[in-house]
Structures are given as C-alpha cells and as structure tokens.
Amino acid sequence: MAWYSASYRVGPDDYGLPLAVEGQTWPYVGFWAVIGLTAAAVLRAVAARVPLAGPDVIAVLLTFTGARLSLGWRPEPLMLGAMAAAALVVAVIWCVPALRGGFRSRAGGR
C-alpha cells in the first residue's frame, strides 16, 4: 500500500505530496516489512503476557508511515536507520503502560 500511495498523487500538482523520486523501491519496501514484522513481534510478545490495547493497529501504522515517508523521500541509510529505531522505540513505549499495569482489562481487573 505504501509503494502504491507513493507512486501516485491525488489532485493537482500544487497540492499533496509529490510523486516518488526515481530509483529502486523494493529495498525500502523490504526494509520496512522487516521493521514492521519486528514491531509486531515486540507488540505480540507483550500482548501474550498482559492485555495490550491495539497491537496490530500500531504495528501497521508504524510500518505504513515509515514506508510512505521512505518511498516519497528516499533517505540515506543513516536516516533510514534512525527512522527504524524511532518506530521500534514507539512500539516499546506503547507497551510500557501495559507492562506497568496501566491498562485495565474489560473484566474490570488489571
């Protein structure tokens, strides 16, 4: 989806994000697929231990956002690594309240 949305523009040239720049797209798509699977694994591991709100939504959101930004901007490897680290940090931060007992289950307990 990110590759497709980076390939086309909605509306006139004056509005919206520009088309993806020329170059290879598959390395970026593959990189973000790996980062998305890693974030999903972290979130699922925590969700297996404690109730966690929306682990699948946050993994898809992080993966789609990172891939969309990468395909439209084509960052250097150092910046791409920083973006991936930020996505994984967000996934871990999403898990902290659940691990500390901040989310309540639907039954009313912790």
Protein backbone atom coordinates (compact mmCIF):
# COMPACT_ATOMS: atom_id res chain seq x y z
CA MET A 1 0.00 0.00 0.00
CA ALA A 2 2.81 2.42 0.82
CA TRP A 3 4.53 1.77 -2.51
CA TYR A 4 1.27 2.29 -4.36
CA SER A 5 0.42 5.50 -2.49
CA ALA A 6 3.93 6.87 -3.06
CA SER A 7 3.67 6.25 -6.80
CA TYR A 8 0.65 8.45 -7.45
CA ARG A 9 -0.62 11.87 -6.48
CA VAL A 10 -4.21 12.83 -5.76
CA GLY A 11 -5.24 16.23 -7.07
CA PRO A 12 -3.31 18.91 -8.93
CA ASP A 13 0.45 19.34 -8.68
CA ASP A 14 0.05 22.26 -6.28
CA TYR A 15 -1.48 20.04 -3.59
CA GLY A 16 -0.48 16.84 -1.87
CA LEU A 17 2.81 15.00 -1.68
CA PRO A 18 5.00 14.87 -4.77
CA LEU A 19 5.40 11.67 -6.75
CA ALA A 20 8.07 9.27 -5.60
CA VAL A 21 11.53 10.14 -6.84
CA GLU A 22 13.22 7.87 -9.34
CA GLY A 23 15.11 4.82 -8.11
CA GLN A 24 14.65 1.41 -6.59
CA THR A 25 11.63 0.94 -4.34
CA TRP A 26 11.97 -2.71 -3.31
CA PRO A 27 14.85 -2.20 -0.84
CA TYR A 28 12.73 0.33 1.06
CA VAL A 29 9.63 -1.86 0.95
CA GLY A 30 11.64 -4.87 2.16
CA PHE A 31 13.33 -2.86 4.91
CA TRP A 32 10.02 -1.58 6.26
CA ALA A 33 8.48 -5.04 6.01
CA VAL A 34 11.23 -6.32 8.32
CA ILE A 35 10.80 -3.37 10.70
CA GLY A 36 7.02 -3.88 10.71
CA LEU A 37 7.39 -7.57 11.50
CA THR A 38 9.85 -6.75 14.28
CA ALA A 39 7.50 -4.16 15.79
CA ALA A 40 4.61 -6.62 15.50
CA ALA A 41 6.68 -9.31 17.23
CA VAL A 42 7.50 -6.96 20.12
CA LEU A 43 3.87 -5.93 20.49
CA ARG A 44 2.58 -9.51 20.24
CA ALA A 45 5.11 -10.73 22.81
CA VAL A 46 3.82 -8.15 25.28
CA ALA A 47 0.19 -8.84 24.35
CA ALA A 48 0.75 -12.51 25.15
CA ARG A 49 1.73 -11.58 28.72
CA VAL A 50 -0.65 -8.72 29.54
CA PRO A 51 -3.69 -7.09 27.90
CA LEU A 52 -2.42 -4.59 25.33
CA ALA A 53 -4.60 -2.08 23.50
CA GLY A 54 -4.36 -2.31 19.71
CA PRO A 55 -1.04 -4.04 19.00
CA ASP A 56 -1.94 -4.79 15.39
CA VAL A 57 -3.07 -1.23 14.66
CA ILE A 58 0.13 0.36 15.97
CA ALA A 59 2.33 -2.11 14.04
CA VAL A 60 0.51 -1.43 10.76
CA LEU A 61 0.52 2.32 11.38
CA LEU A 62 4.26 2.43 12.09
CA THR A 63 5.07 0.27 9.07
CA PHE A 64 2.85 2.20 6.67
CA THR A 65 4.06 5.60 7.87
CA GLY A 66 7.73 4.64 7.67
CA ALA A 67 7.39 3.07 4.24
CA ARG A 68 5.38 6.01 2.92
CA LEU A 69 7.95 8.53 4.13
CA SER A 70 10.85 6.46 2.82
CA LEU A 71 9.35 5.94 -0.62
CA GLY A 72 8.49 9.59 -1.06
CA TRP A 73 11.74 10.99 0.32
CA ARG A 74 14.38 8.22 -0.15
CA PRO A 75 16.53 8.94 2.93
CA GLU A 76 20.17 7.93 3.30
CA PRO A 77 20.90 4.70 5.23
CA LEU A 78 21.78 6.55 8.44
CA MET A 79 18.49 8.44 8.46
CA LEU A 80 16.62 5.28 7.48
CA GLY A 81 18.16 3.51 10.49
CA ALA A 82 17.12 6.41 12.74
CA MET A 83 13.56 6.18 11.42
CA ALA A 84 13.51 2.44 12.07
CA ALA A 85 14.87 2.93 15.58
CA ALA A 86 12.21 5.57 16.24
CA ALA A 87 9.48 3.18 15.05
CA LEU A 88 10.73 0.43 17.35
CA VAL A 89 11.00 2.86 20.27
CA VAL A 90 7.38 3.90 19.70
CA ALA A 91 6.37 0.22 19.76
CA VAL A 92 8.22 -0.30 23.05
CA ILE A 93 6.75 2.89 24.54
CA TRP A 94 3.27 1.62 23.56
CA CYS A 95 4.00 -1.50 25.64
CA VAL A 96 5.24 0.26 28.80
CA PRO A 97 1.83 1.22 30.30
CA ALA A 98 0.54 -2.33 29.84
CA LEU A 99 3.62 -3.85 31.45
CA ARG A 100 3.36 -1.43 34.36
CA GLY A 101 -0.33 -2.30 34.85
CA GLY A 102 -1.78 0.91 33.44
CA PHE A 103 -4.32 -0.67 31.09
CA ARG A 104 -7.40 -2.25 32.62
CA SER A 105 -8.90 -5.37 31.15
CA ARG A 106 -12.54 -5.47 30.07
CA ALA A 107 -13.46 -7.53 33.11
CA GLY A 108 -12.53 -4.59 35.33
CA GLY A 109 -9.32 -6.00 36.82
CA ARG A 110 -5.76 -5.16 35.99
